[in-house]
Amino acid sequence: QVQLVESGGGLVQTGGSLRLSCAASGRTFSSYTMGWFRQAAGKEREFVAAISWSGSRTYYADSVKGRFTISRDNAKNMVSLQMNSLKPEDTAVYYCAARQGGYSSSWYADSRRVPEYDYWGQGTQVTVSS
């Protein structure tokens, strides 16, 4: 069982930065692939970024590539999302998620799919003003 709690959301102007953090409980945190997703009002939840259990592999949605960076600290049971050059279209509730399983040939495809994740946080609001 893993419990996830996000923090760090808020209101920022276009071009600004925010750093989201996700604190995880559970002794097996280091065995999970971790992901960030977001859901804008009236839209479906979408993939943002994922990181493998060791941190050696990362994967980003095209819309955030080059602007966002996902990282993890297994010693602290934390995963973070550094968001730079924010745009109004980044406005959404951001969710941290965890899924079991190590790297496989389908890791990239599986990491962007909502149903593949076993645990979810409650979400944190990010609002980017124009």
Protein backbone atom coordinates (compact mmCIF):
# COMPACT_ATOMS: atom_id res chain seq x y z
CA GLN A 1 0.00 0.00 0.00
CA VAL A 2 1.30 3.44 -0.95
CA GLN A 3 -0.17 6.78 0.07
CA LEU A 4 0.73 9.86 -1.93
CA VAL A 5 0.46 13.51 -0.91
CA GLU A 6 1.22 16.32 -3.36
CA SER A 7 2.28 19.84 -2.49
CA GLY A 8 3.71 22.92 -4.17
CA GLY A 9 0.88 24.03 -6.38
CA GLY A 10 -0.24 27.63 -6.63
CA LEU A 11 -0.75 30.67 -8.83
CA VAL A 12 2.07 31.83 -11.09
CA GLN A 13 2.41 34.16 -14.06
CA THR A 14 3.21 33.01 -17.58
CA GLY A 15 6.90 32.20 -17.84
CA GLY A 16 7.23 31.48 -14.14
CA SER A 17 8.25 28.32 -12.32
CA LEU A 18 6.83 25.97 -9.73
CA ARG A 19 8.13 22.84 -8.09
CA LEU A 20 5.66 20.14 -7.17
CA SER A 21 6.52 17.51 -4.61
CA CYS A 22 4.93 14.19 -3.82
CA ALA A 23 5.59 12.49 -0.50
CA ALA A 24 5.02 8.75 -0.47
CA SER A 25 4.48 6.39 2.40
CA GLY A 26 5.39 2.74 2.30
CA ARG A 27 8.60 0.80 2.49
CA THR A 28 8.50 -0.28 -1.15
CA PHE A 29 8.48 3.19 -2.70
CA SER A 30 11.73 2.52 -4.50
CA SER A 31 10.16 -0.34 -6.44
CA TYR A 32 7.47 1.82 -8.07
CA THR A 33 7.44 3.73 -11.29
CA MET A 34 6.18 7.22 -10.43
CA GLY A 35 4.19 9.48 -12.69
CA TRP A 36 2.68 12.94 -12.82
CA PHE A 37 -0.62 13.54 -14.54
CA ARG A 38 -2.82 16.61 -14.86
CA GLN A 39 -6.46 17.31 -15.42
CA ALA A 40 -7.78 20.63 -16.64
CA ALA A 41 -11.37 21.64 -16.05
CA GLY A 42 -13.68 19.73 -18.36
CA LYS A 43 -10.91 17.59 -19.80
CA GLU A 44 -9.61 14.08 -19.29
CA ARG A 45 -6.64 13.34 -17.09
CA GLU A 46 -3.46 13.37 -19.16
CA PHE A 47 0.06 12.13 -18.78
CA VAL A 48 2.80 14.63 -17.94
CA ALA A 49 5.93 12.72 -16.92
CA ALA A 50 7.17 9.42 -15.48
CA ILE A 51 10.33 8.14 -13.83
CA SER A 52 11.51 4.58 -13.36
CA TRP A 53 12.13 3.07 -9.95
CA SER A 54 15.85 3.82 -10.07
CA GLY A 55 15.49 7.21 -11.71
CA SER A 56 17.52 6.07 -14.69
CA ARG A 57 14.64 6.47 -17.13
CA THR A 58 12.36 9.44 -17.56
CA TYR A 59 9.59 10.12 -20.02
CA TYR A 60 7.70 13.30 -20.84
CA ALA A 61 4.65 14.34 -22.75
CA ASP A 62 5.57 16.34 -25.83
CA SER A 63 3.72 19.36 -24.43
CA VAL A 64 6.10 19.67 -21.46
CA LYS A 65 9.35 18.29 -22.85
CA GLY A 66 12.20 20.71 -22.28
CA ARG A 67 10.25 22.70 -19.69
CA PHE A 68 9.45 20.15 -16.97
CA THR A 69 11.84 17.83 -15.12
CA ILE A 70 10.81 14.83 -13.02
CA SER A 71 13.12 13.50 -10.32
CA ARG A 72 12.97 11.23 -7.30
CA ASP A 73 14.78 10.67 -4.03
CA ASN A 74 14.18 7.11 -2.87
CA ALA A 75 15.91 7.74 0.44
CA LYS A 76 13.29 10.38 1.22
CA ASN A 77 10.35 8.70 -0.52
CA MET A 78 9.85 11.80 -2.65
CA VAL A 79 9.21 12.53 -6.29
CA SER A 80 9.28 16.04 -7.70
CA LEU A 81 8.25 17.89 -10.81
CA GLN A 82 10.15 21.07 -11.64
CA MET A 83 8.05 23.17 -13.98
CA ASN A 84 9.66 26.07 -15.84
CA SER A 85 8.43 28.43 -18.55
CA LEU A 86 4.87 27.84 -17.50
CA LYS A 87 2.04 28.61 -19.89
CA PRO A 88 -1.66 29.23 -19.30
CA GLU A 89 -2.39 25.86 -20.91
CA ASP A 90 -0.47 24.19 -18.06
CA THR A 91 -3.28 25.20 -15.71
CA ALA A 92 -4.72 22.04 -14.16
CA VAL A 93 -4.90 19.88 -11.09
CA TYR A 94 -1.68 17.87 -10.96
CA TYR A 95 -1.68 14.33 -9.61
CA CYS A 96 1.15 12.12 -8.44
CA ALA A 97 0.71 8.40 -9.14
CA ALA A 98 2.55 5.14 -8.52
CA ARG A 99 2.54 1.83 -10.32
CA GLN A 100 4.25 -1.44 -9.58
CA GLY A 101 6.67 -3.19 -11.87
CA GLY A 102 10.13 -2.53 -13.14
CA TYR A 103 11.36 -1.62 -16.55
CA SER A 104 10.03 -3.62 -19.49
CA SER A 105 9.75 -3.20 -23.22
CA SER A 106 6.33 -1.60 -22.70
CA TRP A 107 7.47 0.76 -19.93
CA TYR A 108 7.09 3.91 -21.99
CA ALA A 109 3.66 3.00 -23.35
CA ASP A 110 2.40 1.80 -19.96
CA SER A 111 3.72 4.84 -18.11
CA ARG A 112 1.44 7.24 -19.94
CA ARG A 113 -1.76 5.26 -19.32
CA VAL A 114 -3.96 6.22 -16.36
CA PRO A 115 -5.29 2.65 -15.76
CA GLU A 116 -1.74 1.33 -15.31
CA TYR A 117 -1.32 3.23 -12.04
CA ASP A 118 -2.25 1.63 -8.75
CA TYR A 119 -2.13 4.60 -6.38
CA TRP A 120 -3.02 8.29 -6.71
CA GLY A 121 -2.63 11.41 -4.65
CA GLN A 122 -5.38 13.92 -4.02
CA GLY A 123 -3.99 16.47 -6.46
CA THR A 124 -2.65 20.01 -6.25
CA GLN A 125 -3.91 22.99 -8.26
CA VAL A 126 -1.58 24.83 -10.60
CA THR A 127 -2.88 28.04 -12.16
CA VAL A 128 -0.87 30.01 -14.71
CA SER A 129 -2.14 33.50 -15.39
CA SER A 130 -1.65 35.22 -18.72
